[in-house]
Amino acid sequence: MANATEQRILRRAQAHASARTGILDAARRVAARGGARELSLRSVAAEAGFAPAALYGYFSGKDELLLALAADDLASLSRAMREAAARADGAKKLSAVASAAIEKMRDLDSLAAASAAASTSSGSNEAQRLFNGRLIAALKALSDAAGNPADTRAGQCDAVLLGAAIAGLTLLVRSGRLRALGFSPDEIVQQLDRRFSSTS
């Protein structure tokens, strides 16, 4: 009897996870059309084929949906950075990872939208913990590429500085301001490598 009950519970959990993934995919499509900041639960529900109220069975609201979407994007970003690090030689690992991060983030606005959502959400919930954990993984990929382990407070500060520099650089690239200032992304990335990498 317990086996049948366990199987039913497993099937429900799998169906819930599958529906949640479908909602996140729908949210990504809606965000691609109109921007993550303009995303609404109603538009995501329509895209996913759900009644708007049904989304509350998966997400407590728009902020949680944005955090989940950004957490997925952070996981993808971390994966792209680790793959770039694996392909790069030791001397240019940070440059390769930073370039991969910029390329990946150029088309993502979920991170900025989720950061705003995280700052307005009250309390600490699972979506925020997941987002923060994935952010830490991305920062660790940066510190590993720089050859500066983030096992001290100073090392963690360096990882945050690198992450902030790359996020800011991505913003300048997306807006065309970096080019207007007369710089190329590669030039700035190489400077980051010289300043932060212990392998240079």
C-alpha atoms as a PDB file:
ATOM      1  CA  MET A   1       0.000   0.000   0.000  1.00  0.00           C
ATOM      2  CA  ALA A   2       2.789   2.402   0.882  1.00  0.00           C
ATOM      3  CA  ASN A   3       4.349   1.739  -2.510  1.00  0.00           C
ATOM      4  CA  ALA A   4       1.183   2.854  -4.366  1.00  0.00           C
ATOM      5  CA  THR A   5       0.963   5.937  -2.141  1.00  0.00           C
ATOM      6  CA  GLU A   6       4.614   6.765  -2.764  1.00  0.00           C
ATOM      7  CA  GLN A   7       4.093   6.403  -6.506  1.00  0.00           C
ATOM      8  CA  ARG A   8       1.066   8.719  -6.396  1.00  0.00           C
ATOM      9  CA  ILE A   9       3.069  11.305  -4.453  1.00  0.00           C
ATOM     10  CA  LEU A  10       5.945  10.984  -6.914  1.00  0.00           C
ATOM     11  CA  ARG A  11       3.601  11.397  -9.916  1.00  0.00           C
ATOM     12  CA  ARG A  12       2.040  14.513  -8.342  1.00  0.00           C
ATOM     13  CA  ALA A  13       5.465  15.985  -7.619  1.00  0.00           C
ATOM     14  CA  GLN A  14       6.588  15.280 -11.185  1.00  0.00           C
ATOM     15  CA  ALA A  15       3.407  16.833 -12.621  1.00  0.00           C
ATOM     16  CA  HIS A  16       3.868  19.887 -10.391  1.00  0.00           C
ATOM     17  CA  ALA A  17       7.524  20.257 -11.449  1.00  0.00           C
ATOM     18  CA  SER A  18       6.592  19.842 -15.113  1.00  0.00           C
ATOM     19  CA  ALA A  19       3.828  22.461 -14.886  1.00  0.00           C
ATOM     20  CA  ARG A  20       6.180  24.819 -13.028  1.00  0.00           C
ATOM     21  CA  THR A  21       8.784  24.398 -15.775  1.00  0.00           C
ATOM     22  CA  GLY A  22       6.100  25.105 -18.379  1.00  0.00           C
ATOM     23  CA  ILE A  23       5.118  28.290 -16.554  1.00  0.00           C
ATOM     24  CA  LEU A  24       8.756  29.417 -16.388  1.00  0.00           C
ATOM     25  CA  ASP A  25       9.140  28.711 -20.115  1.00  0.00           C
ATOM     26  CA  ALA A  26       6.002  30.761 -20.795  1.00  0.00           C
ATOM     27  CA  ALA A  27       7.349  33.564 -18.583  1.00  0.00           C
ATOM     28  CA  ARG A  28      10.601  33.531 -20.544  1.00  0.00           C
ATOM     29  CA  ARG A  29       8.687  33.886 -23.833  1.00  0.00           C
ATOM     30  CA  VAL A  30       6.557  36.733 -22.447  1.00  0.00           C
ATOM     31  CA  ALA A  31       9.679  38.453 -21.094  1.00  0.00           C
ATOM     32  CA  ALA A  32      11.413  38.068 -24.465  1.00  0.00           C
ATOM     33  CA  ARG A  33       8.560  39.922 -26.147  1.00  0.00           C
ATOM     34  CA  GLY A  34       8.001  42.738 -23.657  1.00  0.00           C
ATOM     35  CA  GLY A  35      10.787  42.645 -21.091  1.00  0.00           C
ATOM     36  CA  ALA A  36      10.897  40.915 -17.726  1.00  0.00           C
ATOM     37  CA  ARG A  37       9.983  44.072 -15.837  1.00  0.00           C
ATOM     38  CA  GLU A  38       6.694  44.346 -17.732  1.00  0.00           C
ATOM     39  CA  LEU A  39       5.792  40.707 -17.204  1.00  0.00           C
ATOM     40  CA  SER A  40       2.392  40.075 -15.587  1.00  0.00           C
ATOM     41  CA  LEU A  41       0.939  36.912 -14.106  1.00  0.00           C
ATOM     42  CA  ARG A  42      -2.054  37.280 -16.418  1.00  0.00           C
ATOM     43  CA  SER A  43       0.135  37.343 -19.547  1.00  0.00           C
ATOM     44  CA  VAL A  44       2.208  34.389 -18.325  1.00  0.00           C
ATOM     45  CA  ALA A  45      -0.918  32.400 -17.472  1.00  0.00           C
ATOM     46  CA  ALA A  46      -2.346  33.056 -20.940  1.00  0.00           C
ATOM     47  CA  GLU A  47       0.931  32.024 -22.571  1.00  0.00           C
ATOM     48  CA  ALA A  48       1.119  28.841 -20.485  1.00  0.00           C
ATOM     49  CA  GLY A  49      -2.544  27.951 -21.010  1.00  0.00           C
ATOM     50  CA  PHE A  50      -3.512  28.364 -17.352  1.00  0.00           C
ATOM     51  CA  ALA A  51      -6.174  30.378 -15.609  1.00  0.00           C
ATOM     52  CA  PRO A  52      -4.435  33.342 -13.908  1.00  0.00           C
ATOM     53  CA  ALA A  53      -5.426  32.131 -10.424  1.00  0.00           C
ATOM     54  CA  ALA A  54      -3.847  28.717 -11.131  1.00  0.00           C
ATOM     55  CA  LEU A  55      -0.363  30.261 -11.155  1.00  0.00           C
ATOM     56  CA  TYR A  56      -0.674  30.894  -7.425  1.00  0.00           C
ATOM     57  CA  GLY A  57      -0.400  27.136  -6.916  1.00  0.00           C
ATOM     58  CA  TYR A  58       3.167  27.409  -8.207  1.00  0.00           C
ATOM     59  CA  PHE A  59       4.289  30.954  -7.354  1.00  0.00           C
ATOM     60  CA  SER A  60       3.108  33.322  -4.627  1.00  0.00           C
ATOM     61  CA  GLY A  61       3.141  36.238  -7.057  1.00  0.00           C
ATOM     62  CA  LYS A  62       5.038  38.076  -9.756  1.00  0.00           C
ATOM     63  CA  ASP A  63       8.105  38.667  -7.566  1.00  0.00           C
ATOM     64  CA  GLU A  64       8.520  34.976  -6.837  1.00  0.00           C
ATOM     65  CA  LEU A  65       8.052  34.133 -10.526  1.00  0.00           C
ATOM     66  CA  LEU A  66      10.733  36.691 -11.475  1.00  0.00           C
ATOM     67  CA  LEU A  67      13.109  35.293  -8.846  1.00  0.00           C
ATOM     68  CA  ALA A  68      12.576  31.750 -10.149  1.00  0.00           C
ATOM     69  CA  LEU A  69      13.128  32.888 -13.733  1.00  0.00           C
ATOM     70  CA  ALA A  70      16.321  34.721 -12.770  1.00  0.00           C
ATOM     71  CA  ALA A  71      17.526  31.740 -10.718  1.00  0.00           C
ATOM     72  CA  ASP A  72      17.217  29.580 -13.847  1.00  0.00           C
ATOM     73  CA  ASP A  73      19.107  32.225 -15.826  1.00  0.00           C
ATOM     74  CA  LEU A  74      21.833  32.351 -13.154  1.00  0.00           C
ATOM     75  CA  ALA A  75      22.218  28.568 -13.369  1.00  0.00           C
ATOM     76  CA  SER A  76      22.604  28.860 -17.140  1.00  0.00           C
ATOM     77  CA  LEU A  77      25.066  31.730 -16.683  1.00  0.00           C
ATOM     78  CA  SER A  78      27.178  29.730 -14.204  1.00  0.00           C
ATOM     79  CA  ARG A  79      27.214  26.767 -16.581  1.00  0.00           C
ATOM     80  CA  ALA A  80      28.360  28.972 -19.489  1.00  0.00           C
ATOM     81  CA  MET A  81      31.118  30.478 -17.328  1.00  0.00           C
ATOM     82  CA  ARG A  82      32.363  27.069 -16.138  1.00  0.00           C
ATOM     83  CA  GLU A  83      32.393  25.797 -19.736  1.00  0.00           C
ATOM     84  CA  ALA A  84      34.370  28.877 -20.846  1.00  0.00           C
ATOM     85  CA  ALA A  85      36.842  28.314 -18.002  1.00  0.00           C
ATOM     86  CA  ALA A  86      37.304  24.674 -19.030  1.00  0.00           C
ATOM     87  CA  ARG A  87      38.100  25.703 -22.627  1.00  0.00           C
ATOM     88  CA  ALA A  88      40.494  28.551 -21.707  1.00  0.00           C
ATOM     89  CA  ASP A  89      44.161  28.334 -20.918  1.00  0.00           C
ATOM     90  CA  GLY A  90      45.242  29.373 -17.412  1.00  0.00           C
ATOM     91  CA  ALA A  91      46.538  32.831 -18.306  1.00  0.00           C
ATOM     92  CA  LYS A  92      43.309  34.013 -19.951  1.00  0.00           C
ATOM     93  CA  LYS A  93      40.714  32.080 -17.955  1.00  0.00           C
ATOM     94  CA  LEU A  94      39.143  35.131 -16.323  1.00  0.00           C
ATOM     95  CA  SER A  95      38.922  36.944 -19.667  1.00  0.00           C
ATOM     96  CA  ALA A  96      37.183  33.940 -21.215  1.00  0.00           C
ATOM     97  CA  VAL A  97      34.751  33.619 -18.315  1.00  0.00           C
ATOM     98  CA  ALA A  98      33.970  37.361 -18.226  1.00  0.00           C
ATOM     99  CA  SER A  99      33.395  37.412 -21.998  1.00  0.00           C
ATOM    100  CA  ALA A 100      31.085  34.398 -21.745  1.00  0.00           C
ATOM    101  CA  ALA A 101      29.160  36.084 -18.916  1.00  0.00           C
ATOM    102  CA  ILE A 102      28.734  39.304 -20.891  1.00  0.00           C
ATOM    103  CA  GLU A 103      27.596  37.423 -23.973  1.00  0.00           C
ATOM    104  CA  LYS A 104      25.075  35.413 -21.951  1.00  0.00           C
ATOM    105  CA  MET A 105      23.746  38.412 -19.979  1.00  0.00           C
ATOM    106  CA  ARG A 106      23.357  40.689 -23.016  1.00  0.00           C
ATOM    107  CA  ASP A 107      19.980  39.158 -23.765  1.00  0.00           C
ATOM    108  CA  LEU A 108      18.788  38.665 -20.170  1.00  0.00           C
ATOM    109  CA  ASP A 109      16.862  41.274 -18.268  1.00  0.00           C
ATOM    110  CA  SER A 110      15.461  38.827 -15.746  1.00  0.00           C
ATOM    111  CA  LEU A 111      18.398  39.411 -13.397  1.00  0.00           C
ATOM    112  CA  ALA A 112      17.749  43.137 -13.069  1.00  0.00           C
ATOM    113  CA  ALA A 113      14.008  42.591 -12.734  1.00  0.00           C
ATOM    114  CA  ALA A 114      14.552  39.907 -10.095  1.00  0.00           C
ATOM    115  CA  SER A 115      16.973  42.074  -8.166  1.00  0.00           C
ATOM    116  CA  ALA A 116      14.259  44.704  -7.885  1.00  0.00           C
ATOM    117  CA  ALA A 117      11.748  42.010  -6.898  1.00  0.00           C
ATOM    118  CA  ALA A 118      14.100  40.616  -4.258  1.00  0.00           C
ATOM    119  CA  SER A 119      14.552  44.033  -2.701  1.00  0.00           C
ATOM    120  CA  THR A 120      10.793  44.623  -2.392  1.00  0.00           C
ATOM    121  CA  SER A 121       9.868  41.133  -1.192  1.00  0.00           C
ATOM    122  CA  SER A 122       9.343  40.766   2.505  1.00  0.00           C
ATOM    123  CA  GLY A 123      10.982  37.996   4.475  1.00  0.00           C
ATOM    124  CA  SER A 124      13.163  35.183   3.288  1.00  0.00           C
ATOM    125  CA  ASN A 125      11.500  32.530   1.192  1.00  0.00           C
ATOM    126  CA  GLU A 126      12.577  29.591  -0.897  1.00  0.00           C
ATOM    127  CA  ALA A 127      12.673  31.619  -4.136  1.00  0.00           C
ATOM    128  CA  GLN A 128      15.047  34.146  -2.576  1.00  0.00           C
ATOM    129  CA  ARG A 129      17.260  31.392  -1.152  1.00  0.00           C
ATOM    130  CA  LEU A 130      17.429  29.700  -4.557  1.00  0.00           C
ATOM    131  CA  PHE A 131      18.235  33.002  -6.293  1.00  0.00           C
ATOM    132  CA  ASN A 132      20.939  33.823  -3.732  1.00  0.00           C
ATOM    133  CA  GLY A 133      22.427  30.333  -3.985  1.00  0.00           C
ATOM    134  CA  ARG A 134      22.633  30.558  -7.756  1.00  0.00           C
ATOM    135  CA  LEU A 135      24.157  34.040  -7.484  1.00  0.00           C
ATOM    136  CA  ILE A 136      26.816  32.654  -5.142  1.00  0.00           C
ATOM    137  CA  ALA A 137      27.550  29.871  -7.664  1.00  0.00           C
ATOM    138  CA  ALA A 138      28.051  32.464 -10.426  1.00  0.00           C
ATOM    139  CA  LEU A 139      30.353  34.523  -8.206  1.00  0.00           C
ATOM    140  CA  LYS A 140      32.304  31.369  -7.322  1.00  0.00           C
ATOM    141  CA  ALA A 141      32.793  30.635 -11.015  1.00  0.00           C
ATOM    142  CA  LEU A 142      34.294  34.125 -11.359  1.00  0.00           C
ATOM    143  CA  SER A 143      36.592  33.777  -8.361  1.00  0.00           C
ATOM    144  CA  ASP A 144      37.727  30.332  -9.520  1.00  0.00           C
ATOM    145  CA  ALA A 145      38.506  31.706 -12.982  1.00  0.00           C
ATOM    146  CA  ALA A 146      40.527  34.510 -11.403  1.00  0.00           C
ATOM    147  CA  GLY A 147      42.452  31.961  -9.364  1.00  0.00           C
ATOM    148  CA  ASN A 148      41.388  33.771  -6.191  1.00  0.00           C
ATOM    149  CA  PRO A 149      39.412  31.420  -3.971  1.00  0.00           C
ATOM    150  CA  ALA A 150      36.523  33.080  -2.182  1.00  0.00           C
ATOM    151  CA  ASP A 151      37.342  31.405   1.121  1.00  0.00           C
ATOM    152  CA  THR A 152      38.128  34.675   2.899  1.00  0.00           C
ATOM    153  CA  ARG A 153      36.110  37.844   3.299  1.00  0.00           C
ATOM    154  CA  ALA A 154      38.580  39.685   1.016  1.00  0.00           C
ATOM    155  CA  GLY A 155      38.258  36.957  -1.621  1.00  0.00           C
ATOM    156  CA  GLN A 156      34.471  37.168  -1.424  1.00  0.00           C
ATOM    157  CA  CYS A 157      34.648  40.948  -1.819  1.00  0.00           C
ATOM    158  CA  ASP A 158      36.807  40.497  -4.928  1.00  0.00           C
ATOM    159  CA  ALA A 159      34.242  38.070  -6.374  1.00  0.00           C
ATOM    160  CA  VAL A 160      31.426  40.577  -5.754  1.00  0.00           C
ATOM    161  CA  LEU A 161      33.532  43.369  -7.306  1.00  0.00           C
ATOM    162  CA  LEU A 162      34.136  41.215 -10.375  1.00  0.00           C
ATOM    163  CA  GLY A 163      30.460  40.335 -10.639  1.00  0.00           C
ATOM    164  CA  ALA A 164      29.448  43.976 -10.297  1.00  0.00           C
ATOM    165  CA  ALA A 165      32.018  45.063 -12.872  1.00  0.00           C
ATOM    166  CA  ILE A 166      30.809  42.466 -15.372  1.00  0.00           C
ATOM    167  CA  ALA A 167      27.141  43.317 -14.758  1.00  0.00           C
ATOM    168  CA  GLY A 168      27.900  47.023 -15.229  1.00  0.00           C
ATOM    169  CA  LEU A 169      29.950  46.298 -18.329  1.00  0.00           C
ATOM    170  CA  THR A 170      27.064  44.254 -19.732  1.00  0.00           C
ATOM    171  CA  LEU A 171      24.734  47.192 -19.155  1.00  0.00           C
ATOM    172  CA  LEU A 172      27.115  49.514 -21.016  1.00  0.00           C
ATOM    173  CA  VAL A 173      27.426  47.013 -23.883  1.00  0.00           C
ATOM    174  CA  ARG A 174      23.626  46.507 -24.123  1.00  0.00           C
ATOM    175  CA  SER A 175      22.958  50.230 -24.222  1.00  0.00           C
ATOM    176  CA  GLY A 176      25.727  50.978 -26.740  1.00  0.00           C
ATOM    177  CA  ARG A 177      27.367  53.329 -24.218  1.00  0.00           C
ATOM    178  CA  LEU A 178      30.639  51.402 -24.059  1.00  0.00           C
ATOM    179  CA  ARG A 179      31.181  51.900 -27.777  1.00  0.00           C
ATOM    180  CA  ALA A 180      30.126  55.561 -27.440  1.00  0.00           C
ATOM    181  CA  LEU A 181      32.831  55.948 -24.796  1.00  0.00           C
ATOM    182  CA  GLY A 182      35.375  54.540 -27.251  1.00  0.00           C
ATOM    183  CA  PHE A 183      35.971  51.156 -25.580  1.00  0.00           C
ATOM    184  CA  SER A 184      35.453  47.586 -26.655  1.00  0.00           C
ATOM    185  CA  PRO A 185      34.254  44.872 -24.286  1.00  0.00           C
ATOM    186  CA  ASP A 186      37.468  42.910 -24.896  1.00  0.00           C
ATOM    187  CA  GLU A 187      39.610  45.849 -23.848  1.00  0.00           C
ATOM    188  CA  ILE A 188      37.769  46.220 -20.536  1.00  0.00           C
ATOM    189  CA  VAL A 189      37.690  42.450 -19.929  1.00  0.00           C
ATOM    190  CA  GLN A 190      41.463  42.267 -20.432  1.00  0.00           C
ATOM    191  CA  GLN A 191      41.887  45.076 -17.906  1.00  0.00           C
ATOM    192  CA  LEU A 192      39.712  43.155 -15.429  1.00  0.00           C
ATOM    193  CA  ASP A 193      41.898  40.110 -15.999  1.00  0.00           C
ATOM    194  CA  ARG A 194      45.068  42.117 -15.307  1.00  0.00           C
ATOM    195  CA  ARG A 195      43.588  43.624 -12.129  1.00  0.00           C
ATOM    196  CA  PHE A 196      41.944  40.578 -10.593  1.00  0.00           C
ATOM    197  CA  SER A 197      43.548  37.423 -11.926  1.00  0.00           C
ATOM    198  CA  SER A 198      46.236  35.788  -9.855  1.00  0.00           C
ATOM    199  CA  THR A 199      47.295  33.752 -12.927  1.00  0.00           C
ATOM    200  CA  SER A 200      48.171  36.743 -15.134  1.00  0.00           C
END
